[in-house]
PDB file of N, CA and C in Angstrom:
ATOM      1  N   UNK A   1      31.725  88.088  95.397  1.00  0.00           N
ATOM      2  CA  UNK A   1      31.954  89.000  96.506  1.00  0.00           C
ATOM      3  C   UNK A   1      30.884  90.078  96.475  1.00  0.00           C
ATOM      4  N   UNK A   2      29.948  90.006  97.361  1.00  0.00           N
ATOM      5  CA  UNK A   2      28.810  90.922  97.387  1.00  0.00           C
ATOM      6  C   UNK A   2      29.203  92.251  98.026  1.00  0.00           C
ATOM      7  N   UNK A   3      28.787  93.354  97.389  1.00  0.00           N
ATOM      8  CA  UNK A   3      29.086  94.686  97.927  1.00  0.00           C
ATOM      9  C   UNK A   3      28.263  94.938  99.183  1.00  0.00           C
ATOM     10  N   UNK A   4      28.842  95.701 100.085  1.00  0.00           N
ATOM     11  CA  UNK A   4      28.139  96.056 101.320  1.00  0.00           C
ATOM     12  C   UNK A   4      26.984  96.984 100.991  1.00  0.00           C
ATOM     13  N   UNK A   5      25.903  96.931 101.751  1.00  0.00           N
ATOM     14  CA  UNK A   5      24.754  97.803 101.484  1.00  0.00           C
ATOM     15  C   UNK A   5      25.116  99.293 101.537  1.00  0.00           C
ATOM     16  N   UNK A   6      26.128  99.649 102.326  1.00  0.00           N
ATOM     17  CA  UNK A   6      26.542 101.047 102.427  1.00  0.00           C
ATOM     18  C   UNK A   6      27.138 101.557 101.125  1.00  0.00           C
ATOM     19  N   UNK A   7      27.610 100.655 100.252  1.00  0.00           N
ATOM     20  CA  UNK A   7      28.255 101.038  99.004  1.00  0.00           C
ATOM     21  C   UNK A   7      27.292 101.131  97.822  1.00  0.00           C
ATOM     22  N   UNK A   8      26.050 100.756  98.018  1.00  0.00           N
ATOM     23  CA  UNK A   8      25.076 100.768  96.924  1.00  0.00           C
ATOM     24  C   UNK A   8      24.786 102.201  96.479  1.00  0.00           C
ATOM     25  N   UNK A   9      24.530 102.362  95.185  1.00  0.00           N
ATOM     26  CA  UNK A   9      24.206 103.676  94.627  1.00  0.00           C
ATOM     27  C   UNK A   9      22.795 104.060  95.070  1.00  0.00           C
ATOM     28  N   UNK A  10      22.641 105.122  95.871  1.00  0.00           N
ATOM     29  CA  UNK A  10      21.320 105.482  96.379  1.00  0.00           C
ATOM     30  C   UNK A  10      20.359 105.916  95.270  1.00  0.00           C
ATOM     31  N   UNK A  11      20.873 106.328  94.107  1.00  0.00           N
ATOM     32  CA  UNK A  11      20.024 106.754  92.999  1.00  0.00           C
ATOM     33  C   UNK A  11      19.210 105.593  92.441  1.00  0.00           C
ATOM     34  N   UNK A  12      19.669 104.376  92.673  1.00  0.00           N
ATOM     35  CA  UNK A  12      18.988 103.186  92.145  1.00  0.00           C
ATOM     36  C   UNK A  12      17.997 102.596  93.146  1.00  0.00           C
ATOM     37  N   UNK A  13      17.964 103.134  94.347  1.00  0.00           N
ATOM     38  CA  UNK A  13      17.106 102.551  95.383  1.00  0.00           C
ATOM     39  C   UNK A  13      16.248 103.604  96.075  1.00  0.00           C
ATOM     40  N   UNK A  14      15.795 104.624  95.339  1.00  0.00           N
ATOM     41  CA  UNK A  14      14.969 105.673  95.938  1.00  0.00           C
ATOM     42  C   UNK A  14      13.609 105.089  96.300  1.00  0.00           C
ATOM     43  N   UNK A  15      13.213 105.326  97.538  1.00  0.00           N
ATOM     44  CA  UNK A  15      11.923 104.842  98.033  1.00  0.00           C
ATOM     45  C   UNK A  15      11.108 106.022  98.532  1.00  0.00           C
ATOM     46  N   UNK A  16       9.859 105.773  98.821  1.00  0.00           N
ATOM     47  CA  UNK A  16       8.968 106.832  99.306  1.00  0.00           C
ATOM     48  C   UNK A  16       9.465 107.425 100.623  1.00  0.00           C
ATOM     49  N   UNK A  17      10.062 106.591 101.478  1.00  0.00           N
ATOM     50  CA  UNK A  17      10.538 107.063 102.782  1.00  0.00           C
ATOM     51  C   UNK A  17      12.043 107.357 102.805  1.00  0.00           C
ATOM     52  N   UNK A  18      12.663 107.459 101.621  1.00  0.00           N
ATOM     53  CA  UNK A  18      14.086 107.821 101.557  1.00  0.00           C
ATOM     54  C   UNK A  18      14.272 109.254 102.042  1.00  0.00           C
ATOM     55  N   UNK A  19      15.449 109.588 102.597  1.00  0.00           N
ATOM     56  CA  UNK A  19      15.714 110.973 103.021  1.00  0.00           C
ATOM     57  C   UNK A  19      15.580 111.931 101.833  1.00  0.00           C
ATOM     58  N   UNK A  20      15.181 113.147 102.111  1.00  0.00           N
ATOM     59  CA  UNK A  20      14.915 114.103 101.030  1.00  0.00           C
ATOM     60  C   UNK A  20      16.095 114.347 100.102  1.00  0.00           C
ATOM     61  N   UNK A  21      17.364 114.352 100.570  1.00  0.00           N
ATOM     62  CA  UNK A  21      18.462 114.543  99.611  1.00  0.00           C
ATOM     63  C   UNK A  21      18.545 113.415  98.580  1.00  0.00           C
ATOM     64  N   UNK A  22      18.186 112.198  98.988  1.00  0.00           N
ATOM     65  CA  UNK A  22      18.205 111.068  98.061  1.00  0.00           C
ATOM     66  C   UNK A  22      17.121 111.256  97.008  1.00  0.00           C
ATOM     67  N   UNK A  23      15.949 111.702  97.444  1.00  0.00           N
ATOM     68  CA  UNK A  23      14.850 111.945  96.504  1.00  0.00           C
ATOM     69  C   UNK A  23      15.170 113.095  95.554  1.00  0.00           C
ATOM     70  N   UNK A  24      15.800 114.136  96.062  1.00  0.00           N
ATOM     71  CA  UNK A  24      16.081 115.321  95.248  1.00  0.00           C
ATOM     72  C   UNK A  24      17.227 115.080  94.270  1.00  0.00           C
ATOM     73  N   UNK A  25      18.265 114.388  94.709  1.00  0.00           N
ATOM     74  CA  UNK A  25      19.421 114.149  93.848  1.00  0.00           C
ATOM     75  C   UNK A  25      20.274 115.401  93.729  1.00  0.00           C
ATOM     76  N   UNK A  26      21.169 115.425  92.757  1.00  0.00           N
ATOM     77  CA  UNK A  26      22.020 116.590  92.514  1.00  0.00           C
ATOM     78  C   UNK A  26      22.984 116.856  93.653  1.00  0.00           C
ATOM     79  N   UNK A  27      23.257 118.161  93.886  1.00  0.00           N
ATOM     80  CA  UNK A  27      24.240 118.519  94.914  1.00  0.00           C
ATOM     81  C   UNK A  27      23.783 118.166  96.326  1.00  0.00           C
ATOM     82  N   UNK A  28      22.448 118.244  96.662  1.00  0.00           N
ATOM     83  CA  UNK A  28      22.085 117.805  98.020  1.00  0.00           C
ATOM     84  C   UNK A  28      22.455 116.341  98.277  1.00  0.00           C
ATOM     85  N   UNK A  29      22.278 115.491  97.265  1.00  0.00           N
ATOM     86  CA  UNK A  29      22.646 114.090  97.424  1.00  0.00           C
ATOM     87  C   UNK A  29      24.157 113.947  97.531  1.00  0.00           C
ATOM     88  N   UNK A  30      24.901 114.696  96.733  1.00  0.00           N
ATOM     89  CA  UNK A  30      26.365 114.628  96.789  1.00  0.00           C
ATOM     90  C   UNK A  30      26.871 115.010  98.182  1.00  0.00           C
ATOM     91  N   UNK A  31      26.281 116.042  98.769  1.00  0.00           N
ATOM     92  CA  UNK A  31      26.665 116.452 100.122  1.00  0.00           C
ATOM     93  C   UNK A  31      26.241 115.385 101.131  1.00  0.00           C
ATOM     94  N   UNK A  32      25.009 114.891 100.984  1.00  0.00           N
ATOM     95  CA  UNK A  32      24.482 113.885 101.921  1.00  0.00           C
ATOM     96  C   UNK A  32      25.308 112.596 101.877  1.00  0.00           C
ATOM     97  N   UNK A  33      25.780 112.196 100.692  1.00  0.00           N
ATOM     98  CA  UNK A  33      26.576 110.978 100.561  1.00  0.00           C
ATOM     99  C   UNK A  33      27.886 111.057 101.340  1.00  0.00           C
ATOM    100  N   UNK A  34      28.359 112.272 101.563  1.00  0.00           N
ATOM    101  CA  UNK A  34      29.629 112.473 102.274  1.00  0.00           C
ATOM    102  C   UNK A  34      29.426 113.241 103.584  1.00  0.00           C
ATOM    103  N   UNK A  35      28.197 113.254 104.080  1.00  0.00           N
ATOM    104  CA  UNK A  35      27.878 114.071 105.255  1.00  0.00           C
ATOM    105  C   UNK A  35      28.618 113.619 106.511  1.00  0.00           C
ATOM    106  N   UNK A  36      28.892 112.344 106.661  1.00  0.00           N
ATOM    107  CA  UNK A  36      29.613 111.883 107.854  1.00  0.00           C
ATOM    108  C   UNK A  36      31.044 112.415 107.848  1.00  0.00           C
ATOM    109  N   UNK A  37      31.730 112.307 106.717  1.00  0.00           N
ATOM    110  CA  UNK A  37      33.099 112.834 106.623  1.00  0.00           C
ATOM    111  C   UNK A  37      33.104 114.345 106.813  1.00  0.00           C
ATOM    112  N   UNK A  38      32.141 115.034 106.232  1.00  0.00           N
ATOM    113  CA  UNK A  38      32.046 116.489 106.387  1.00  0.00           C
ATOM    114  C   UNK A  38      31.865 116.841 107.859  1.00  0.00           C
ATOM    115  N   UNK A  39      30.979 116.121 108.540  1.00  0.00           N
ATOM    116  CA  UNK A  39      30.742 116.387 109.963  1.00  0.00           C
ATOM    117  C   UNK A  39      32.010 116.170 110.777  1.00  0.00           C
ATOM    118  N   UNK A  40      32.752 115.094 110.483  1.00  0.00           N
ATOM    119  CA  UNK A  40      33.987 114.833 111.229  1.00  0.00           C
ATOM    120  C   UNK A  40      35.039 115.912 110.978  1.00  0.00           C
ATOM    121  N   UNK A  41      35.164 116.373 109.729  1.00  0.00           N
ATOM    122  CA  UNK A  41      36.116 117.448 109.431  1.00  0.00           C
ATOM    123  C   UNK A  41      35.720 118.735 110.138  1.00  0.00           C
ATOM    124  N   UNK A  42      34.430 119.058 110.144  1.00  0.00           N
ATOM    125  CA  UNK A  42      33.964 120.263 110.834  1.00  0.00           C
ATOM    126  C   UNK A  42      34.259 120.158 112.326  1.00  0.00           C
ATOM    127  N   UNK A  43      33.959 119.016 112.921  1.00  0.00           N
ATOM    128  CA  UNK A  43      34.238 118.834 114.354  1.00  0.00           C
ATOM    129  C   UNK A  43      35.736 118.927 114.648  1.00  0.00           C
ATOM    130  N   UNK A  44      36.559 118.345 113.783  1.00  0.00           N
ATOM    131  CA  UNK A  44      38.000 118.401 113.977  1.00  0.00           C
ATOM    132  C   UNK A  44      38.492 119.845 113.954  1.00  0.00           C
ATOM    133  N   UNK A  45      38.124 120.590 112.914  1.00  0.00           N
ATOM    134  CA  UNK A  45      38.614 121.964 112.791  1.00  0.00           C
ATOM    135  C   UNK A  45      37.994 122.888 113.836  1.00  0.00           C
ATOM    136  N   UNK A  46      36.752 122.614 114.243  1.00  0.00           N
ATOM    137  CA  UNK A  46      36.137 123.409 115.314  1.00  0.00           C
ATOM    138  C   UNK A  46      36.871 123.171 116.631  1.00  0.00           C
ATOM    139  N   UNK A  47      37.220 121.920 116.929  1.00  0.00           N
ATOM    140  CA  UNK A  47      37.943 121.647 118.176  1.00  0.00           C
ATOM    141  C   UNK A  47      39.336 122.265 118.133  1.00  0.00           C
ATOM    142  N   UNK A  48      39.969 122.242 116.974  1.00  0.00           N
ATOM    143  CA  UNK A  48      41.282 122.857 116.808  1.00  0.00           C
ATOM    144  C   UNK A  48      41.198 124.364 117.036  1.00  0.00           C
ATOM    145  N   UNK A  49      40.183 125.012 116.451  1.00  0.00           N
ATOM    146  CA  UNK A  49      40.002 126.459 116.614  1.00  0.00           C
ATOM    147  C   UNK A  49      39.669 126.810 118.061  1.00  0.00           C
ATOM    148  N   UNK A  50      38.819 126.024 118.705  1.00  0.00           N
ATOM    149  CA  UNK A  50      38.478 126.288 120.104  1.00  0.00           C
ATOM    150  C   UNK A  50      39.698 126.108 121.004  1.00  0.00           C
ATOM    151  N   UNK A  51      40.541 125.133 120.691  1.00  0.00           N
ATOM    152  CA  UNK A  51      41.769 124.964 121.452  1.00  0.00           C
ATOM    153  C   UNK A  51      42.664 126.186 121.289  1.00  0.00           C
ATOM    154  N   UNK A  52      42.753 126.708 120.067  1.00  0.00           N
ATOM    155  CA  UNK A  52      43.581 127.893 119.822  1.00  0.00           C
ATOM    156  C   UNK A  52      43.034 129.096 120.583  1.00  0.00           C
ATOM    157  N   UNK A  53      41.716 129.283 120.550  1.00  0.00           N
ATOM    158  CA  UNK A  53      41.116 130.436 121.235  1.00  0.00           C
ATOM    159  C   UNK A  53      41.238 130.326 122.751  1.00  0.00           C
ATOM    160  N   UNK A  54      40.983 129.133 123.283  1.00  0.00           N
ATOM    161  CA  UNK A  54      41.101 128.951 124.730  1.00  0.00           C
ATOM    162  C   UNK A  54      42.544 128.933 125.201  1.00  0.00           C
ATOM    163  N   UNK A  55      43.404 128.341 124.407  1.00  0.00           N
ATOM    164  CA  UNK A  55      44.802 128.226 124.793  1.00  0.00           C
ATOM    165  C   UNK A  55      45.546 129.540 124.776  1.00  0.00           C
ATOM    166  N   UNK A  56      45.168 130.449 123.856  1.00  0.00           N
ATOM    167  CA  UNK A  56      45.878 131.727 123.778  1.00  0.00           C
ATOM    168  C   UNK A  56      45.661 132.552 125.041  1.00  0.00           C
ATOM    169  N   UNK A  57      44.479 132.467 125.632  1.00  0.00           N
ATOM    170  CA  UNK A  57      44.257 133.251 126.854  1.00  0.00           C
ATOM    171  C   UNK A  57      45.116 132.718 128.001  1.00  0.00           C
ATOM    172  N   UNK A  58      45.195 131.400 128.140  1.00  0.00           N
ATOM    173  CA  UNK A  58      46.047 130.824 129.180  1.00  0.00           C
ATOM    174  C   UNK A  58      47.518 131.114 128.891  1.00  0.00           C
ATOM    175  N   UNK A  59      47.913 131.020 127.634  1.00  0.00           N
ATOM    176  CA  UNK A  59      49.289 131.303 127.239  1.00  0.00           C
ATOM    177  C   UNK A  59      49.646 132.754 127.542  1.00  0.00           C
ATOM    178  N   UNK A  60      48.733 133.680 127.200  1.00  0.00           N
ATOM    179  CA  UNK A  60      48.998 135.095 127.439  1.00  0.00           C
ATOM    180  C   UNK A  60      49.062 135.425 128.927  1.00  0.00           C
ATOM    181  N   UNK A  61      48.256 134.760 129.720  1.00  0.00           N
ATOM    182  CA  UNK A  61      48.312 134.971 131.171  1.00  0.00           C
ATOM    183  C   UNK A  61      49.686 134.578 131.702  1.00  0.00           C
ATOM    184  N   UNK A  62      50.191 133.455 131.222  1.00  0.00           N
ATOM    185  CA  UNK A  62      51.521 133.004 131.638  1.00  0.00           C
ATOM    186  C   UNK A  62      52.603 133.949 131.105  1.00  0.00           C
ATOM    187  N   UNK A  63      52.429 134.426 129.881  1.00  0.00           N
ATOM    188  CA  UNK A  63      53.379 135.375 129.292  1.00  0.00           C
ATOM    189  C   UNK A  63      53.469 136.637 130.152  1.00  0.00           C
ATOM    190  N   UNK A  64      52.307 137.171 130.548  1.00  0.00           N
ATOM    191  CA  UNK A  64      52.277 138.402 131.344  1.00  0.00           C
ATOM    192  C   UNK A  64      52.909 138.189 132.719  1.00  0.00           C
ATOM    193  N   UNK A  65      52.723 137.009 133.298  1.00  0.00           N
ATOM    194  CA  UNK A  65      53.325 136.709 134.597  1.00  0.00           C
ATOM    195  C   UNK A  65      54.847 136.689 134.511  1.00  0.00           C
ATOM    196  N   UNK A  66      55.370 136.387 133.342  1.00  0.00           N
ATOM    197  CA  UNK A  66      56.813 136.350 133.144  1.00  0.00           C
ATOM    198  C   UNK A  66      57.346 137.623 132.477  1.00  0.00           C
ATOM    199  N   UNK A  67      56.513 138.659 132.431  1.00  0.00           N
ATOM    200  CA  UNK A  67      56.939 139.931 131.866  1.00  0.00           C
ATOM    201  C   UNK A  67      57.066 139.933 130.346  1.00  0.00           C
ATOM    202  N   UNK A  68      56.459 138.960 129.691  1.00  0.00           N
ATOM    203  CA  UNK A  68      56.496 138.865 128.236  1.00  0.00           C
ATOM    204  C   UNK A  68      55.212 139.473 127.649  1.00  0.00           C
ATOM    205  N   UNK A  69      55.274 139.946 126.419  1.00  0.00           N
ATOM    206  CA  UNK A  69      54.071 140.525 125.817  1.00  0.00           C
ATOM    207  C   UNK A  69      53.061 139.443 125.416  1.00  0.00           C
ATOM    208  N   UNK A  70      51.791 139.824 125.412  1.00  0.00           N
ATOM    209  CA  UNK A  70      50.730 138.925 124.957  1.00  0.00           C
ATOM    210  C   UNK A  70      50.860 138.723 123.447  1.00  0.00           C
ATOM    211  N   UNK A  71      50.339 137.604 122.961  1.00  0.00           N
ATOM    212  CA  UNK A  71      50.410 137.305 121.531  1.00  0.00           C
ATOM    213  C   UNK A  71      49.003 137.115 120.973  1.00  0.00           C
ATOM    214  N   UNK A  72      48.877 137.231 119.658  1.00  0.00           N
ATOM    215  CA  UNK A  72      47.596 137.012 118.992  1.00  0.00           C
ATOM    216  C   UNK A  72      47.341 135.507 118.864  1.00  0.00           C
ATOM    217  N   UNK A  73      46.121 135.164 118.498  1.00  0.00           N
ATOM    218  CA  UNK A  73      45.781 133.761 118.275  1.00  0.00           C
ATOM    219  C   UNK A  73      46.666 133.188 117.175  1.00  0.00           C
ATOM    220  N   UNK A  74      46.854 133.946 116.099  1.00  0.00           N
ATOM    221  CA  UNK A  74      47.664 133.465 114.981  1.00  0.00           C
ATOM    222  C   UNK A  74      49.109 133.221 115.409  1.00  0.00           C
ATOM    223  N   UNK A  75      49.627 134.077 116.252  1.00  0.00           N
ATOM    224  CA  UNK A  75      50.993 133.900 116.748  1.00  0.00           C
ATOM    225  C   UNK A  75      51.061 132.695 117.689  1.00  0.00           C
ATOM    226  N   UNK A  76      50.040 132.528 118.530  1.00  0.00           N
ATOM    227  CA  UNK A  76      49.993 131.401 119.455  1.00  0.00           C
ATOM    228  C   UNK A  76      49.991 130.069 118.706  1.00  0.00           C
ATOM    229  N   UNK A  77      49.286 130.008 117.566  1.00  0.00           N
ATOM    230  CA  UNK A  77      49.213 128.780 116.783  1.00  0.00           C
ATOM    231  C   UNK A  77      50.592 128.369 116.256  1.00  0.00           C
ATOM    232  N   UNK A  78      51.517 129.309 116.184  1.00  0.00           N
ATOM    233  CA  UNK A  78      52.867 128.985 115.706  1.00  0.00           C
ATOM    234  C   UNK A  78      53.829 128.625 116.844  1.00  0.00           C
ATOM    235  N   UNK A  79      53.349 128.647 118.082  1.00  0.00           N
ATOM    236  CA  UNK A  79      54.236 128.337 119.204  1.00  0.00           C
ATOM    237  C   UNK A  79      54.362 126.828 119.411  1.00  0.00           C
ATOM    238  N   UNK A  80      55.470 126.452 120.002  1.00  0.00           N
ATOM    239  CA  UNK A  80      55.707 125.040 120.312  1.00  0.00           C
ATOM    240  C   UNK A  80      54.689 124.543 121.347  1.00  0.00           C
ATOM    241  N   UNK A  81      54.279 125.420 122.271  1.00  0.00           N
ATOM    242  CA  UNK A  81      53.330 125.002 123.307  1.00  0.00           C
ATOM    243  C   UNK A  81      52.001 124.589 122.693  1.00  0.00           C
ATOM    244  N   UNK A  82      51.501 125.369 121.716  1.00  0.00           N
ATOM    245  CA  UNK A  82      50.236 125.021 121.065  1.00  0.00           C
ATOM    246  C   UNK A  82      50.326 123.645 120.418  1.00  0.00           C
ATOM    247  N   UNK A  83      51.396 123.397 119.682  1.00  0.00           N
ATOM    248  CA  UNK A  83      51.527 122.127 118.983  1.00  0.00           C
ATOM    249  C   UNK A  83      51.782 120.970 119.936  1.00  0.00           C
ATOM    250  N   UNK A  84      52.501 121.232 121.027  1.00  0.00           N
ATOM    251  CA  UNK A  84      52.703 120.187 122.030  1.00  0.00           C
ATOM    252  C   UNK A  84      51.358 119.786 122.635  1.00  0.00           C
ATOM    253  N   UNK A  85      50.556 120.778 123.020  1.00  0.00           N
ATOM    254  CA  UNK A  85      49.233 120.498 123.596  1.00  0.00           C
ATOM    255  C   UNK A  85      48.340 119.794 122.582  1.00  0.00           C
ATOM    256  N   UNK A  86      48.391 120.226 121.329  1.00  0.00           N
ATOM    257  CA  UNK A  86      47.570 119.602 120.285  1.00  0.00           C
ATOM    258  C   UNK A  86      47.945 118.141 120.099  1.00  0.00           C
ATOM    259  N   UNK A  87      49.244 117.882 120.043  1.00  0.00           N
ATOM    260  CA  UNK A  87      49.687 116.499 119.851  1.00  0.00           C
ATOM    261  C   UNK A  87      49.329 115.627 121.045  1.00  0.00           C
ATOM    262  N   UNK A  88      49.384 116.204 122.239  1.00  0.00           N
ATOM    263  CA  UNK A  88      48.986 115.461 123.434  1.00  0.00           C
ATOM    264  C   UNK A  88      47.519 115.067 123.329  1.00  0.00           C
ATOM    265  N   UNK A  89      46.662 116.013 122.927  1.00  0.00           N
ATOM    266  CA  UNK A  89      45.229 115.731 122.788  1.00  0.00           C
ATOM    267  C   UNK A  89      44.976 114.712 121.691  1.00  0.00           C
ATOM    268  N   UNK A  90      45.589 114.917 120.540  1.00  0.00           N
ATOM    269  CA  UNK A  90      45.373 114.004 119.416  1.00  0.00           C
ATOM    270  C   UNK A  90      45.911 112.620 119.731  1.00  0.00           C
ATOM    271  N   UNK A  91      47.043 112.577 120.411  1.00  0.00           N
ATOM    272  CA  UNK A  91      47.637 111.293 120.758  1.00  0.00           C
ATOM    273  C   UNK A  91      46.687 110.494 121.645  1.00  0.00           C
ATOM    274  N   UNK A  92      46.073 111.134 122.617  1.00  0.00           N
ATOM    275  CA  UNK A  92      45.150 110.410 123.494  1.00  0.00           C
ATOM    276  C   UNK A  92      43.911 109.950 122.734  1.00  0.00           C
ATOM    277  N   UNK A  93      43.431 110.758 121.792  1.00  0.00           N
ATOM    278  CA  UNK A  93      42.279 110.349 120.986  1.00  0.00           C
ATOM    279  C   UNK A  93      42.638 109.179 120.080  1.00  0.00           C
ATOM    280  N   UNK A  94      43.817 109.228 119.470  1.00  0.00           N
ATOM    281  CA  UNK A  94      44.244 108.138 118.603  1.00  0.00           C
ATOM    282  C   UNK A  94      44.414 106.851 119.390  1.00  0.00           C
ATOM    283  N   UNK A  95      44.917 106.946 120.603  1.00  0.00           N
ATOM    284  CA  UNK A  95      45.072 105.752 121.437  1.00  0.00           C
ATOM    285  C   UNK A  95      43.700 105.156 121.739  1.00  0.00           C
ATOM    286  N   UNK A  96      42.724 106.009 122.041  1.00  0.00           N
ATOM    287  CA  UNK A  96      41.373 105.509 122.334  1.00  0.00           C
ATOM    288  C   UNK A  96      40.767 104.822 121.109  1.00  0.00           C
ATOM    289  N   UNK A  97      40.885 105.442 119.946  1.00  0.00           N
ATOM    290  CA  UNK A  97      40.343 104.851 118.721  1.00  0.00           C
ATOM    291  C   UNK A  97      41.079 103.555 118.382  1.00  0.00           C
ATOM    292  N   UNK A  98      42.400 103.569 118.510  1.00  0.00           N
ATOM    293  CA  UNK A  98      43.180 102.364 118.232  1.00  0.00           C
ATOM    294  C   UNK A  98      42.781 101.226 119.173  1.00  0.00           C
ATOM    295  N   UNK A  99      42.519 101.554 120.416  1.00  0.00           N
ATOM    296  CA  UNK A  99      42.104 100.521 121.369  1.00  0.00           C
ATOM    297  C   UNK A  99      40.757  99.934 120.971  1.00  0.00           C
ATOM    298  N   UNK A 100      39.832 100.783 120.569  1.00  0.00           N
ATOM    299  CA  UNK A 100      38.514 100.295 120.150  1.00  0.00           C
ATOM    300  C   UNK A 100      38.645  99.396 118.930  1.00  0.00           C
ATOM    301  N   UNK A 101      39.413  99.845 117.944  1.00  0.00           N
ATOM    302  CA  UNK A 101      39.586  99.049 116.725  1.00  0.00           C
ATOM    303  C   UNK A 101      40.335  97.762 117.035  1.00  0.00           C
ATOM    304  N   UNK A 102      41.429  97.878 117.756  1.00  0.00           N
ATOM    305  CA  UNK A 102      42.227  96.694 118.080  1.00  0.00           C
ATOM    306  C   UNK A 102      41.455  95.673 118.889  1.00  0.00           C
ATOM    307  N   UNK A 103      40.739  96.140 119.879  1.00  0.00           N
ATOM    308  CA  UNK A 103      39.972  95.211 120.708  1.00  0.00           C
ATOM    309  C   UNK A 103      38.849  94.557 119.917  1.00  0.00           C
ATOM    310  N   UNK A 104      38.258  95.298 118.970  1.00  0.00           N
ATOM    311  CA  UNK A 104      37.164  94.720 118.194  1.00  0.00           C
ATOM    312  C   UNK A 104      37.651  93.634 117.242  1.00  0.00           C
ATOM    313  N   UNK A 105      38.943  93.587 116.952  1.00  0.00           N
ATOM    314  CA  UNK A 105      39.491  92.529 116.100  1.00  0.00           C
ATOM    315  C   UNK A 105      39.556  91.217 116.878  1.00  0.00           C
ATOM    316  N   UNK A 106      39.961  91.297 118.140  1.00  0.00           N
ATOM    317  CA  UNK A 106      40.231  90.097 118.908  1.00  0.00           C
ATOM    318  C   UNK A 106      39.136  89.722 119.907  1.00  0.00           C
ATOM    319  N   UNK A 107      38.322  90.670 120.309  1.00  0.00           N
ATOM    320  CA  UNK A 107      37.286  90.385 121.303  1.00  0.00           C
ATOM    321  C   UNK A 107      35.912  90.372 120.645  1.00  0.00           C
ATOM    322  N   UNK A 108      34.946  89.735 121.259  1.00  0.00           N
ATOM    323  CA  UNK A 108      33.591  89.604 120.715  1.00  0.00           C
ATOM    324  C   UNK A 108      32.564  89.936 121.795  1.00  0.00           C
ATOM    325  N   UNK A 109      31.375  90.296 121.348  1.00  0.00           N
ATOM    326  CA  UNK A 109      30.252  90.479 122.254  1.00  0.00           C
ATOM    327  C   UNK A 109      29.084  89.690 121.679  1.00  0.00           C
ATOM    328  N   UNK A 110      28.791  88.582 122.300  1.00  0.00           N
ATOM    329  CA  UNK A 110      27.716  87.720 121.815  1.00  0.00           C
ATOM    330  C   UNK A 110      26.395  88.470 121.838  1.00  0.00           C
ATOM    331  N   UNK A 111      25.659  88.397 120.732  1.00  0.00           N
ATOM    332  CA  UNK A 111      24.352  89.036 120.634  1.00  0.00           C
ATOM    333  C   UNK A 111      24.398  90.484 120.173  1.00  0.00           C
ATOM    334  N   UNK A 112      25.566  91.027 119.908  1.00  0.00           N
ATOM    335  CA  UNK A 112      25.688  92.415 119.474  1.00  0.00           C
ATOM    336  C   UNK A 112      25.842  92.494 117.958  1.00  0.00           C
ATOM    337  N   UNK A 113      25.068  93.361 117.314  1.00  0.00           N
ATOM    338  CA  UNK A 113      25.179  93.559 115.864  1.00  0.00           C
ATOM    339  C   UNK A 113      26.495  94.236 115.501  1.00  0.00           C
ATOM    340  N   UNK A 114      27.114  94.928 116.450  1.00  0.00           N
ATOM    341  CA  UNK A 114      28.368  95.630 116.196  1.00  0.00           C
ATOM    342  C   UNK A 114      29.583  94.713 116.296  1.00  0.00           C
ATOM    343  N   UNK A 115      29.405  93.535 116.842  1.00  0.00           N
ATOM    344  CA  UNK A 115      30.506  92.589 117.016  1.00  0.00           C
ATOM    345  C   UNK A 115      30.455  91.524 115.929  1.00  0.00           C
ATOM    346  N   UNK A 116      31.633  90.982 115.618  1.00  0.00           N
ATOM    347  CA  UNK A 116      31.664  89.816 114.737  1.00  0.00           C
ATOM    348  C   UNK A 116      31.089  88.642 115.516  1.00  0.00           C
ATOM    349  N   UNK A 117      30.577  87.652 114.794  1.00  0.00           N
ATOM    350  CA  UNK A 117      30.136  86.450 115.504  1.00  0.00           C
ATOM    351  C   UNK A 117      31.295  85.838 116.297  1.00  0.00           C
ATOM    352  N   UNK A 118      30.978  85.265 117.416  1.00  0.00           N
ATOM    353  CA  UNK A 118      31.990  84.746 118.332  1.00  0.00           C
ATOM    354  C   UNK A 118      32.897  83.716 117.665  1.00  0.00           C
ATOM    355  N   UNK A 119      32.361  82.892 116.767  1.00  0.00           N
ATOM    356  CA  UNK A 119      33.145  81.822 116.141  1.00  0.00           C
ATOM    357  C   UNK A 119      33.940  82.286 114.922  1.00  0.00           C
ATOM    358  N   UNK A 120      33.730  83.501 114.423  1.00  0.00           N
ATOM    359  CA  UNK A 120      34.446  83.974 113.231  1.00  0.00           C
ATOM    360  C   UNK A 120      35.923  84.188 113.514  1.00  0.00           C
ATOM    361  N   UNK A 121      36.774  83.852 112.537  1.00  0.00           N
ATOM    362  CA  UNK A 121      38.216  84.080 112.695  1.00  0.00           C
ATOM    363  C   UNK A 121      38.532  85.570 112.781  1.00  0.00           C
ATOM    364  N   UNK A 122      39.644  85.915 113.379  1.00  0.00           N
ATOM    365  CA  UNK A 122      40.051  87.309 113.516  1.00  0.00           C
ATOM    366  C   UNK A 122      40.241  87.994 112.174  1.00  0.00           C
ATOM    367  N   UNK A 123      40.691  87.247 111.168  1.00  0.00           N
ATOM    368  CA  UNK A 123      40.976  87.843 109.860  1.00  0.00           C
ATOM    369  C   UNK A 123      39.731  88.249 109.094  1.00  0.00           C
ATOM    370  N   UNK A 124      38.590  87.733 109.444  1.00  0.00           N
ATOM    371  CA  UNK A 124      37.355  88.086 108.734  1.00  0.00           C
ATOM    372  C   UNK A 124      36.882  89.451 109.185  1.00  0.00           C
ATOM    373  N   UNK A 125      36.550  90.291 108.214  1.00  0.00           N
ATOM    374  CA  UNK A 125      36.132  91.649 108.548  1.00  0.00           C
ATOM    375  C   UNK A 125      34.648  91.872 108.337  1.00  0.00           C
ATOM    376  N   UNK A 126      33.954  90.893 107.768  1.00  0.00           N
ATOM    377  CA  UNK A 126      32.514  91.051 107.584  1.00  0.00           C
ATOM    378  C   UNK A 126      31.805  89.788 108.023  1.00  0.00           C
ATOM    379  N   UNK A 127      30.544  89.956 108.315  1.00  0.00           N
ATOM    380  CA  UNK A 127      29.769  88.803 108.789  1.00  0.00           C
ATOM    381  C   UNK A 127      29.396  87.881 107.666  1.00  0.00           C
TER     382      UNK A 127
END
């Protein structure tokens, strides 16, 4: 069972044109090895924070229209409305990702490097 090229230890395959973190090693390489996950976590928490900041202004406008006091961002994050809106957004994103993953199991695109070969069984996950 051959390991995927993505799993190879970059310290053993340093080349002249390798990215600088690979050449340098140490903590830059450790960060670079996990840079995709770090980027996704940053994007997730940034979108969550932006939703809180944008949502509190709309929430406070509605509060004032109903004679209720405005709330802080921290207080808004504890409201049912914030979590309902968050779950609605996350639910739609999860459905989109699930559709992409699910469809890629059963459907094929001939000539695409991102697709399994047309004749491969559904259970096979690698080419």
